[in-house]
C-alpha cells in the first residue's frame, strides 16, 4: 500500500501556479509548479494562518502570502521574508501518469 495520495492532475498546476488541496487527514497542502518542478508544501502561512495557494509563486521560487507579505522558499520551506518566523512543511511528491501524488512531510534537521 502506498503512503502517497493522488491529489491533483499535473495539468491543474501549470508553471508558475499553485493549487490548494487537502490530505485525507484534512491537512491543507499547496501544490506548486516552479519552472516545471512540481512540489508540495503546507498551505498555511505560519505567521497568521492564511492559505498560501492564494498567494504568489515568485520567479525566485518563493511563495508570498498575500495577507502580510511573508515569503517561504518552495523547495525547503524556509522563511525568506518576515513577518513569518517559522518555516512551512515540505512534502514528498511523485508525478506518475500525469497525476501529482503527495506523501509524508519531509523531516527538517532544525526540528521544525
N, C-alpha and C. Protein backbone atom coordinates (compact mmCIF):
# COMPACT_ATOMS: atom_id res chain seq x y z
N UNK A 1 0.85 -1.19 0.00
CA UNK A 1 0.00 0.00 0.00
C UNK A 1 0.89 1.25 0.00
N UNK A 2 0.55 2.21 -0.83
CA UNK A 2 1.34 3.42 -0.98
C UNK A 2 0.96 4.45 0.08
N UNK A 3 1.96 5.16 0.57
CA UNK A 3 1.72 6.25 1.51
C UNK A 3 1.48 7.56 0.77
N UNK A 4 1.48 7.52 -0.55
CA UNK A 4 1.25 8.71 -1.36
C UNK A 4 -0.23 8.81 -1.72
N UNK A 5 -0.75 10.05 -1.71
CA UNK A 5 -2.14 10.30 -2.04
C UNK A 5 -2.24 11.05 -3.37
N UNK A 6 -3.11 10.59 -4.24
CA UNK A 6 -3.35 11.23 -5.53
C UNK A 6 -4.22 12.46 -5.28
N UNK A 7 -3.64 13.66 -5.46
CA UNK A 7 -4.35 14.88 -5.08
C UNK A 7 -4.64 15.84 -6.22
N UNK A 8 -4.01 15.68 -7.38
CA UNK A 8 -4.26 16.61 -8.48
C UNK A 8 -3.70 16.07 -9.78
N UNK A 9 -4.19 16.62 -10.87
CA UNK A 9 -3.60 16.36 -12.18
C UNK A 9 -2.48 17.37 -12.41
N UNK A 10 -1.43 16.94 -13.07
CA UNK A 10 -0.34 17.86 -13.39
C UNK A 10 -0.88 19.05 -14.19
N UNK A 11 -1.83 18.80 -15.08
CA UNK A 11 -2.41 19.87 -15.89
C UNK A 11 -3.15 20.92 -15.07
N UNK A 12 -3.53 20.58 -13.83
CA UNK A 12 -4.21 21.53 -12.95
C UNK A 12 -3.25 22.53 -12.32
N UNK A 13 -1.94 22.28 -12.51
CA UNK A 13 -0.93 23.14 -11.89
C UNK A 13 0.07 23.58 -12.96
N UNK A 14 -0.32 24.54 -13.80
CA UNK A 14 0.62 24.99 -14.84
C UNK A 14 1.83 25.72 -14.24
N UNK A 15 2.91 25.85 -14.99
CA UNK A 15 4.09 26.55 -14.49
C UNK A 15 3.74 27.92 -13.92
N UNK A 16 4.30 28.20 -12.74
CA UNK A 16 4.08 29.48 -12.07
C UNK A 16 2.80 29.54 -11.25
N UNK A 17 2.09 28.42 -11.17
CA UNK A 17 0.81 28.41 -10.46
C UNK A 17 0.85 27.49 -9.24
N UNK A 18 -0.17 27.66 -8.38
CA UNK A 18 -0.33 26.83 -7.19
C UNK A 18 -1.80 26.45 -7.06
N UNK A 19 -2.04 25.33 -6.39
CA UNK A 19 -3.41 24.88 -6.14
C UNK A 19 -3.48 24.34 -4.71
N UNK A 20 -4.57 24.64 -4.03
CA UNK A 20 -4.77 24.14 -2.67
C UNK A 20 -5.55 22.84 -2.68
N UNK A 21 -5.08 21.87 -1.90
CA UNK A 21 -5.73 20.57 -1.77
C UNK A 21 -5.66 20.18 -0.29
N UNK A 22 -6.29 19.04 0.04
CA UNK A 22 -6.20 18.53 1.40
C UNK A 22 -5.82 17.06 1.40
N UNK A 23 -4.99 16.67 2.35
CA UNK A 23 -4.68 15.27 2.56
C UNK A 23 -5.91 14.59 3.16
N UNK A 24 -5.92 13.28 3.16
CA UNK A 24 -7.05 12.52 3.70
C UNK A 24 -7.32 12.87 5.16
N UNK A 25 -6.27 13.26 5.90
CA UNK A 25 -6.45 13.63 7.30
C UNK A 25 -6.91 15.07 7.50
N UNK A 26 -7.12 15.79 6.39
CA UNK A 26 -7.60 17.18 6.45
C UNK A 26 -6.52 18.24 6.43
N UNK A 27 -5.25 17.84 6.47
CA UNK A 27 -4.17 18.83 6.44
C UNK A 27 -4.16 19.55 5.09
N UNK A 28 -4.13 20.89 5.10
CA UNK A 28 -4.09 21.64 3.85
C UNK A 28 -2.70 21.63 3.24
N UNK A 29 -2.65 21.41 1.92
CA UNK A 29 -1.39 21.33 1.18
C UNK A 29 -1.49 22.24 -0.04
N UNK A 30 -0.39 22.89 -0.35
CA UNK A 30 -0.28 23.75 -1.52
C UNK A 30 0.64 23.04 -2.52
N UNK A 31 0.09 22.65 -3.67
CA UNK A 31 0.89 22.05 -4.74
C UNK A 31 1.31 23.18 -5.68
N UNK A 32 2.60 23.23 -6.02
CA UNK A 32 3.10 24.29 -6.89
C UNK A 32 3.84 23.70 -8.09
N UNK A 33 3.98 24.55 -9.11
CA UNK A 33 4.79 24.21 -10.28
C UNK A 33 5.75 25.37 -10.50
N UNK A 34 6.99 25.16 -10.04
CA UNK A 34 8.01 26.19 -10.22
C UNK A 34 8.94 25.77 -11.35
N UNK A 35 8.78 26.42 -12.49
CA UNK A 35 9.60 26.16 -13.68
C UNK A 35 9.59 24.68 -14.06
N UNK A 36 8.42 24.06 -13.97
CA UNK A 36 8.28 22.66 -14.35
C UNK A 36 8.52 21.67 -13.22
N UNK A 37 8.99 22.14 -12.08
CA UNK A 37 9.20 21.28 -10.91
C UNK A 37 7.93 21.31 -10.06
N UNK A 38 7.31 20.14 -9.90
CA UNK A 38 6.10 20.03 -9.09
C UNK A 38 6.52 19.70 -7.66
N UNK A 39 5.96 20.42 -6.70
CA UNK A 39 6.26 20.18 -5.29
C UNK A 39 5.04 20.47 -4.45
N UNK A 40 5.17 20.24 -3.15
CA UNK A 40 4.06 20.48 -2.24
C UNK A 40 4.60 20.95 -0.89
N UNK A 41 3.91 21.93 -0.34
CA UNK A 41 4.24 22.49 0.98
C UNK A 41 2.94 22.65 1.77
N UNK A 42 3.09 22.90 3.06
CA UNK A 42 1.93 23.20 3.87
C UNK A 42 1.24 24.45 3.33
N UNK A 43 -0.08 24.47 3.36
CA UNK A 43 -0.83 25.57 2.73
C UNK A 43 -1.22 26.67 3.70
N UNK A 44 -0.63 26.70 4.88
CA UNK A 44 -0.95 27.76 5.83
C UNK A 44 0.29 28.57 6.16
N UNK A 45 0.19 29.89 6.01
CA UNK A 45 1.28 30.77 6.42
C UNK A 45 1.45 30.61 7.93
N UNK A 46 2.68 30.45 8.36
CA UNK A 46 2.93 30.26 9.78
C UNK A 46 2.82 31.55 10.58
N UNK A 47 2.68 32.67 9.91
CA UNK A 47 2.53 33.94 10.61
C UNK A 47 1.10 34.16 11.08
N UNK A 48 0.12 34.02 10.18
CA UNK A 48 -1.26 34.34 10.56
C UNK A 48 -2.28 33.35 10.00
N UNK A 49 -1.82 32.14 9.66
CA UNK A 49 -2.70 31.06 9.21
C UNK A 49 -3.59 31.44 8.03
N UNK A 50 -2.98 32.05 7.04
CA UNK A 50 -3.66 32.41 5.79
C UNK A 50 -3.23 31.39 4.73
N UNK A 51 -4.15 30.97 3.88
CA UNK A 51 -3.84 29.97 2.85
C UNK A 51 -2.84 30.51 1.83
N UNK A 52 -1.76 29.77 1.64
CA UNK A 52 -0.69 30.21 0.73
C UNK A 52 -1.02 30.03 -0.74
N UNK A 53 -1.86 29.06 -1.09
CA UNK A 53 -2.12 28.82 -2.51
C UNK A 53 -2.80 30.01 -3.19
N UNK A 54 -3.37 30.91 -2.42
CA UNK A 54 -3.95 32.12 -2.98
C UNK A 54 -2.94 33.24 -3.16
N UNK A 55 -1.70 32.97 -2.78
CA UNK A 55 -0.65 33.97 -2.89
C UNK A 55 0.04 33.94 -4.24
N UNK A 56 1.31 34.27 -4.22
CA UNK A 56 2.08 34.39 -5.46
C UNK A 56 3.30 33.48 -5.40
N UNK A 57 3.50 32.69 -6.45
CA UNK A 57 4.73 31.92 -6.61
C UNK A 57 5.67 32.79 -7.44
N UNK A 58 6.70 33.30 -6.81
CA UNK A 58 7.62 34.24 -7.45
C UNK A 58 8.65 33.49 -8.30
N UNK A 59 9.23 34.18 -9.30
CA UNK A 59 10.24 33.55 -10.16
C UNK A 59 11.45 33.01 -9.40
N UNK A 60 11.74 33.57 -8.22
CA UNK A 60 12.89 33.09 -7.44
C UNK A 60 12.57 31.84 -6.62
N UNK A 61 11.35 31.32 -6.75
CA UNK A 61 10.96 30.11 -6.04
C UNK A 61 10.41 30.35 -4.65
N UNK A 62 10.09 31.59 -4.34
CA UNK A 62 9.45 31.86 -3.06
C UNK A 62 7.94 31.98 -3.25
N UNK A 63 7.23 31.55 -2.21
CA UNK A 63 5.77 31.70 -2.17
C UNK A 63 5.49 32.86 -1.24
N UNK A 64 4.77 33.86 -1.75
CA UNK A 64 4.44 35.04 -0.95
C UNK A 64 2.99 34.97 -0.48
N UNK A 65 2.82 35.10 0.82
CA UNK A 65 1.48 35.16 1.40
C UNK A 65 0.88 36.53 1.11
N UNK A 66 -0.34 36.53 0.61
CA UNK A 66 -0.98 37.81 0.26
C UNK A 66 -1.40 38.64 1.45
N UNK A 67 -1.54 38.03 2.60
CA UNK A 67 -2.06 38.78 3.74
C UNK A 67 -1.06 39.78 4.29
N UNK A 68 0.14 39.32 4.64
CA UNK A 68 1.12 40.22 5.24
C UNK A 68 2.47 40.21 4.54
N UNK A 69 2.59 39.46 3.42
CA UNK A 69 3.80 39.51 2.62
C UNK A 69 4.92 38.57 3.04
N UNK A 70 4.67 37.67 4.00
CA UNK A 70 5.72 36.70 4.35
C UNK A 70 6.06 35.87 3.12
N UNK A 71 7.31 35.45 3.03
CA UNK A 71 7.73 34.61 1.91
C UNK A 71 8.46 33.38 2.43
N UNK A 72 8.26 32.27 1.69
CA UNK A 72 8.84 30.99 2.03
C UNK A 72 9.46 30.37 0.79
N UNK A 73 10.62 29.72 0.95
CA UNK A 73 11.24 29.00 -0.15
C UNK A 73 10.39 27.76 -0.44
N UNK A 74 9.93 27.60 -1.68
CA UNK A 74 9.04 26.48 -2.00
C UNK A 74 9.74 25.13 -1.92
N UNK A 75 11.05 25.09 -2.05
CA UNK A 75 11.77 23.82 -2.03
C UNK A 75 12.14 23.37 -0.62
N UNK A 76 12.42 24.33 0.28
CA UNK A 76 12.88 24.00 1.62
C UNK A 76 11.89 24.34 2.72
N UNK A 77 10.95 25.24 2.43
CA UNK A 77 10.01 25.70 3.44
C UNK A 77 10.56 26.83 4.30
N UNK A 78 11.83 27.18 4.11
CA UNK A 78 12.47 28.21 4.94
C UNK A 78 11.81 29.57 4.75
N UNK A 79 11.78 30.33 5.84
CA UNK A 79 11.28 31.71 5.79
C UNK A 79 12.30 32.56 5.04
N UNK A 80 11.82 33.32 4.06
CA UNK A 80 12.70 34.21 3.30
C UNK A 80 12.36 35.68 3.54
N UNK A 81 11.17 35.95 4.12
CA UNK A 81 10.81 37.33 4.47
C UNK A 81 9.80 37.29 5.61
N UNK A 82 10.04 38.14 6.57
CA UNK A 82 9.14 38.26 7.71
C UNK A 82 7.86 38.98 7.28
N UNK A 83 6.77 38.86 8.01
CA UNK A 83 6.73 38.65 9.44
C UNK A 83 6.72 37.19 9.90
N UNK A 84 6.69 36.22 9.03
CA UNK A 84 6.74 34.82 9.48
C UNK A 84 8.09 34.53 10.10
N UNK A 85 8.10 33.67 11.11
CA UNK A 85 9.34 33.25 11.74
C UNK A 85 9.55 31.74 11.65
N UNK A 86 8.47 30.98 11.53
CA UNK A 86 8.58 29.52 11.44
C UNK A 86 8.44 29.08 9.99
N UNK A 87 9.18 28.06 9.59
CA UNK A 87 9.08 27.55 8.22
C UNK A 87 7.77 26.82 7.99
N UNK A 88 7.47 26.55 6.72
CA UNK A 88 6.32 25.73 6.36
C UNK A 88 6.79 24.32 6.07
N UNK A 89 5.88 23.38 6.19
CA UNK A 89 6.20 21.98 5.92
C UNK A 89 6.43 21.76 4.44
N UNK A 90 7.30 20.82 4.12
CA UNK A 90 7.55 20.37 2.76
C UNK A 90 7.17 18.90 2.71
N UNK A 91 6.51 18.49 1.63
CA UNK A 91 6.04 17.11 1.48
C UNK A 91 6.76 16.41 0.35
N UNK A 92 6.90 15.09 0.49
CA UNK A 92 7.40 14.26 -0.61
C UNK A 92 6.36 14.29 -1.73
N UNK A 93 6.83 14.34 -2.97
CA UNK A 93 5.94 14.38 -4.13
C UNK A 93 6.47 13.45 -5.20
N UNK A 94 5.55 12.76 -5.86
CA UNK A 94 5.85 11.97 -7.06
C UNK A 94 4.85 12.36 -8.13
N UNK A 95 5.31 12.34 -9.36
CA UNK A 95 4.41 12.56 -10.50
C UNK A 95 4.39 11.27 -11.30
N UNK A 96 3.20 10.70 -11.45
CA UNK A 96 3.04 9.44 -12.18
C UNK A 96 1.78 9.50 -13.02
N UNK A 97 1.92 9.17 -14.29
CA UNK A 97 0.76 9.12 -15.17
C UNK A 97 -0.02 10.41 -15.23
N UNK A 98 0.69 11.54 -15.17
CA UNK A 98 0.02 12.83 -15.24
C UNK A 98 -0.68 13.24 -13.96
N UNK A 99 -0.42 12.55 -12.86
CA UNK A 99 -1.03 12.83 -11.58
C UNK A 99 0.03 13.25 -10.56
N UNK A 100 -0.36 14.12 -9.63
CA UNK A 100 0.52 14.56 -8.55
C UNK A 100 0.17 13.75 -7.30
N UNK A 101 1.15 13.01 -6.81
CA UNK A 101 0.97 12.18 -5.62
C UNK A 101 1.78 12.80 -4.48
N UNK A 102 1.11 13.04 -3.36
CA UNK A 102 1.76 13.69 -2.22
C UNK A 102 1.91 12.68 -1.09
N UNK A 103 3.12 12.62 -0.54
CA UNK A 103 3.43 11.70 0.55
C UNK A 103 3.56 12.41 1.88
N UNK A 104 4.44 11.90 2.71
CA UNK A 104 4.64 12.41 4.06
C UNK A 104 5.45 13.70 4.07
N UNK A 105 5.37 14.38 5.21
CA UNK A 105 6.21 15.56 5.43
C UNK A 105 7.67 15.14 5.41
N UNK A 106 8.50 15.98 4.84
CA UNK A 106 9.93 15.76 4.84
C UNK A 106 10.48 16.26 6.18
N UNK A 107 11.18 15.41 6.94
CA UNK A 107 11.73 15.86 8.23
C UNK A 107 12.76 16.97 8.02
N UNK A 108 12.78 17.89 8.97
CA UNK A 108 13.73 19.01 8.94
C UNK A 108 14.83 18.75 9.95
N UNK A 109 16.05 19.10 9.61
CA UNK A 109 17.17 18.94 10.53
C UNK A 109 17.10 19.90 11.71
N UNK A 110 16.42 21.04 11.52
CA UNK A 110 16.36 22.04 12.59
C UNK A 110 15.23 21.79 13.58
N UNK A 111 14.50 20.70 13.41
CA UNK A 111 13.47 20.36 14.38
C UNK A 111 12.11 20.97 14.14
N UNK A 112 11.97 21.83 13.16
CA UNK A 112 10.65 22.42 12.90
C UNK A 112 9.78 21.39 12.30
